[in-house]
Amino acid sequence: MPSLLGDTDTSRTIIVRLSIDTHRALRVRVAHEDTSIQKWVENLIERELGIRETVPAARKAAQR
C-alpha cells in the first residue's frame, strides 16, 4: 500500500524544500521550457543517473 498521497505502484513521492528565490527561478525556467516542475525535476534526475537522456522541447527549438 502506498505510504504517501501521490505514491502509486509505479512511482514514489519525494519532498524537496527550496528557498523562495530558488523556487521562483525554477518556476521561470519551467515556464520558459513549457514543462512542469514535476517533469523538469524527473528529467534532471533521470539524466544525472544515466537513466534517460532528455532535452526539453523548448531547448530543442532554441537550438535550431
N, C-alpha and C. Protein backbone atom coordinates (compact mmCIF):
# COMPACT_ATOMS: atom_id res chain seq x y z
N MET A 1 0.85 -1.18 0.00
CA MET A 1 0.00 0.00 0.00
C MET A 1 0.89 1.24 0.00
N PRO A 2 0.62 2.20 -0.89
CA PRO A 2 1.41 3.44 -0.92
C PRO A 2 1.35 4.17 0.41
N SER A 3 2.49 4.74 0.80
CA SER A 3 2.56 5.39 2.10
C SER A 3 2.21 6.88 2.06
N LEU A 4 2.34 7.52 0.93
CA LEU A 4 2.06 8.94 0.82
C LEU A 4 1.08 9.20 -0.31
N LEU A 5 0.27 10.22 -0.14
CA LEU A 5 -0.62 10.63 -1.22
C LEU A 5 0.23 10.93 -2.45
N GLY A 6 -0.11 10.35 -3.57
CA GLY A 6 0.67 10.55 -4.78
C GLY A 6 1.53 9.36 -5.12
N ASP A 7 1.86 8.52 -4.14
CA ASP A 7 2.60 7.30 -4.43
C ASP A 7 1.69 6.31 -5.14
N THR A 8 2.24 5.57 -6.08
CA THR A 8 1.49 4.52 -6.77
C THR A 8 2.37 3.28 -6.80
N ASP A 9 1.90 2.25 -7.45
CA ASP A 9 2.71 1.04 -7.59
C ASP A 9 3.92 1.27 -8.48
N THR A 10 3.88 2.32 -9.32
CA THR A 10 4.98 2.56 -10.26
C THR A 10 5.73 3.87 -10.02
N SER A 11 5.34 4.65 -9.02
CA SER A 11 6.05 5.90 -8.75
C SER A 11 6.03 6.22 -7.26
N ARG A 12 6.93 7.08 -6.85
CA ARG A 12 7.04 7.50 -5.46
C ARG A 12 7.10 9.02 -5.37
N THR A 13 6.65 9.52 -4.25
CA THR A 13 6.67 10.95 -3.99
C THR A 13 7.88 11.29 -3.13
N ILE A 14 8.57 12.37 -3.48
CA ILE A 14 9.64 12.89 -2.64
C ILE A 14 9.31 14.35 -2.33
N ILE A 15 9.85 14.85 -1.25
CA ILE A 15 9.65 16.24 -0.88
C ILE A 15 11.02 16.92 -0.88
N VAL A 16 11.08 18.05 -1.57
CA VAL A 16 12.32 18.82 -1.65
C VAL A 16 11.99 20.24 -1.22
N ARG A 17 12.70 20.75 -0.26
CA ARG A 17 12.50 22.12 0.19
C ARG A 17 13.49 23.04 -0.52
N LEU A 18 12.95 24.13 -1.06
CA LEU A 18 13.77 25.10 -1.79
C LEU A 18 13.60 26.48 -1.17
N SER A 19 14.62 27.30 -1.32
CA SER A 19 14.48 28.69 -0.91
C SER A 19 13.46 29.37 -1.82
N ILE A 20 12.92 30.46 -1.38
CA ILE A 20 11.94 31.20 -2.18
C ILE A 20 12.56 31.62 -3.50
N ASP A 21 13.78 32.11 -3.46
CA ASP A 21 14.44 32.55 -4.70
C ASP A 21 14.70 31.40 -5.67
N THR A 22 15.11 30.25 -5.14
CA THR A 22 15.34 29.09 -6.00
C THR A 22 14.04 28.61 -6.62
N HIS A 23 12.97 28.58 -5.84
CA HIS A 23 11.68 28.15 -6.35
C HIS A 23 11.19 29.11 -7.43
N ARG A 24 11.37 30.39 -7.22
CA ARG A 24 10.96 31.40 -8.21
C ARG A 24 11.73 31.20 -9.51
N ALA A 25 13.05 31.00 -9.41
CA ALA A 25 13.87 30.78 -10.60
C ALA A 25 13.46 29.50 -11.32
N LEU A 26 13.13 28.48 -10.56
CA LEU A 26 12.68 27.22 -11.15
C LEU A 26 11.36 27.39 -11.89
N ARG A 27 10.43 28.14 -11.30
CA ARG A 27 9.14 28.39 -11.97
C ARG A 27 9.36 29.12 -13.30
N VAL A 28 10.27 30.08 -13.31
CA VAL A 28 10.56 30.82 -14.54
C VAL A 28 11.16 29.87 -15.58
N ARG A 29 12.10 29.02 -15.15
CA ARG A 29 12.76 28.09 -16.08
C ARG A 29 11.76 27.13 -16.70
N VAL A 30 10.91 26.50 -15.87
CA VAL A 30 9.98 25.52 -16.43
C VAL A 30 8.93 26.18 -17.32
N ALA A 31 8.55 27.41 -17.01
CA ALA A 31 7.61 28.13 -17.88
C ALA A 31 8.28 28.39 -19.23
N HIS A 32 9.54 28.80 -19.19
CA HIS A 32 10.28 29.06 -20.42
C HIS A 32 10.41 27.79 -21.26
N GLU A 33 10.58 26.64 -20.60
CA GLU A 33 10.73 25.37 -21.31
C GLU A 33 9.39 24.68 -21.55
N ASP A 34 8.30 25.34 -21.18
CA ASP A 34 6.95 24.83 -21.40
C ASP A 34 6.78 23.41 -20.84
N THR A 35 7.15 23.25 -19.57
CA THR A 35 7.01 21.97 -18.89
C THR A 35 6.56 22.24 -17.46
N SER A 36 6.46 21.19 -16.67
CA SER A 36 6.09 21.33 -15.26
C SER A 36 7.32 21.13 -14.39
N ILE A 37 7.24 21.60 -13.15
CA ILE A 37 8.34 21.35 -12.22
C ILE A 37 8.53 19.84 -12.07
N GLN A 38 7.43 19.10 -11.94
CA GLN A 38 7.49 17.64 -11.81
C GLN A 38 8.30 17.01 -12.94
N LYS A 39 7.94 17.31 -14.19
CA LYS A 39 8.64 16.71 -15.32
C LYS A 39 10.08 17.20 -15.42
N TRP A 40 10.32 18.47 -15.13
CA TRP A 40 11.66 19.03 -15.23
C TRP A 40 12.59 18.33 -14.25
N VAL A 41 12.13 18.20 -12.99
CA VAL A 41 12.95 17.55 -11.96
C VAL A 41 13.14 16.06 -12.30
N GLU A 42 12.07 15.40 -12.73
CA GLU A 42 12.19 13.99 -13.10
C GLU A 42 13.20 13.81 -14.23
N ASN A 43 13.14 14.64 -15.26
CA ASN A 43 14.09 14.56 -16.37
C ASN A 43 15.52 14.82 -15.90
N LEU A 44 15.69 15.80 -15.02
CA LEU A 44 17.02 16.13 -14.49
C LEU A 44 17.60 14.94 -13.73
N ILE A 45 16.81 14.35 -12.86
CA ILE A 45 17.28 13.20 -12.07
C ILE A 45 17.61 12.03 -12.99
N GLU A 46 16.73 11.73 -13.94
CA GLU A 46 16.97 10.61 -14.86
C GLU A 46 18.24 10.85 -15.68
N ARG A 47 18.44 12.08 -16.15
CA ARG A 47 19.64 12.38 -16.93
C ARG A 47 20.89 12.20 -16.08
N GLU A 48 20.87 12.73 -14.85
CA GLU A 48 22.04 12.64 -13.98
C GLU A 48 22.35 11.20 -13.57
N LEU A 49 21.32 10.36 -13.49
CA LEU A 49 21.52 8.95 -13.14
C LEU A 49 21.82 8.10 -14.36
N GLY A 50 21.78 8.69 -15.55
CA GLY A 50 22.04 7.96 -16.78
C GLY A 50 20.90 7.05 -17.18
N ILE A 51 19.72 7.32 -16.66
CA ILE A 51 18.55 6.50 -16.98
C ILE A 51 18.01 6.86 -18.35
N ARG A 52 17.99 8.15 -18.66
CA ARG A 52 17.44 8.60 -19.93
C ARG A 52 18.04 9.96 -20.25
N GLU A 53 18.45 10.13 -21.48
CA GLU A 53 18.94 11.44 -21.94
C GLU A 53 17.77 12.20 -22.50
N THR A 54 17.43 13.33 -21.90
CA THR A 54 16.28 14.11 -22.34
C THR A 54 16.68 15.54 -22.60
N VAL A 55 16.04 16.12 -23.59
CA VAL A 55 16.21 17.53 -23.90
C VAL A 55 14.81 18.12 -24.02
N PRO A 56 14.45 19.09 -23.16
CA PRO A 56 13.12 19.68 -23.25
C PRO A 56 12.83 20.26 -24.63
N ALA A 57 11.57 20.22 -25.03
CA ALA A 57 11.15 20.69 -26.36
C ALA A 57 11.57 22.13 -26.62
N ALA A 58 11.42 23.00 -25.63
CA ALA A 58 11.79 24.41 -25.82
C ALA A 58 13.28 24.55 -26.09
N ARG A 59 14.10 23.74 -25.44
CA ARG A 59 15.53 23.81 -25.66
C ARG A 59 15.85 23.29 -27.06
N LYS A 60 15.18 22.23 -27.51
CA LYS A 60 15.39 21.72 -28.86
C LYS A 60 15.06 22.80 -29.89
N ALA A 61 13.95 23.50 -29.69
CA ALA A 61 13.53 24.55 -30.61
C ALA A 61 14.55 25.69 -30.62
N ALA A 62 15.09 26.03 -29.45
CA ALA A 62 16.07 27.12 -29.35
C ALA A 62 17.37 26.77 -30.04
N GLN A 63 17.67 25.47 -30.13
CA GLN A 63 18.93 25.03 -30.75
C GLN A 63 18.87 25.08 -32.26
N ARG A 64 17.66 25.19 -32.83
CA ARG A 64 17.52 25.20 -34.30
C ARG A 64 17.93 26.50 -34.91
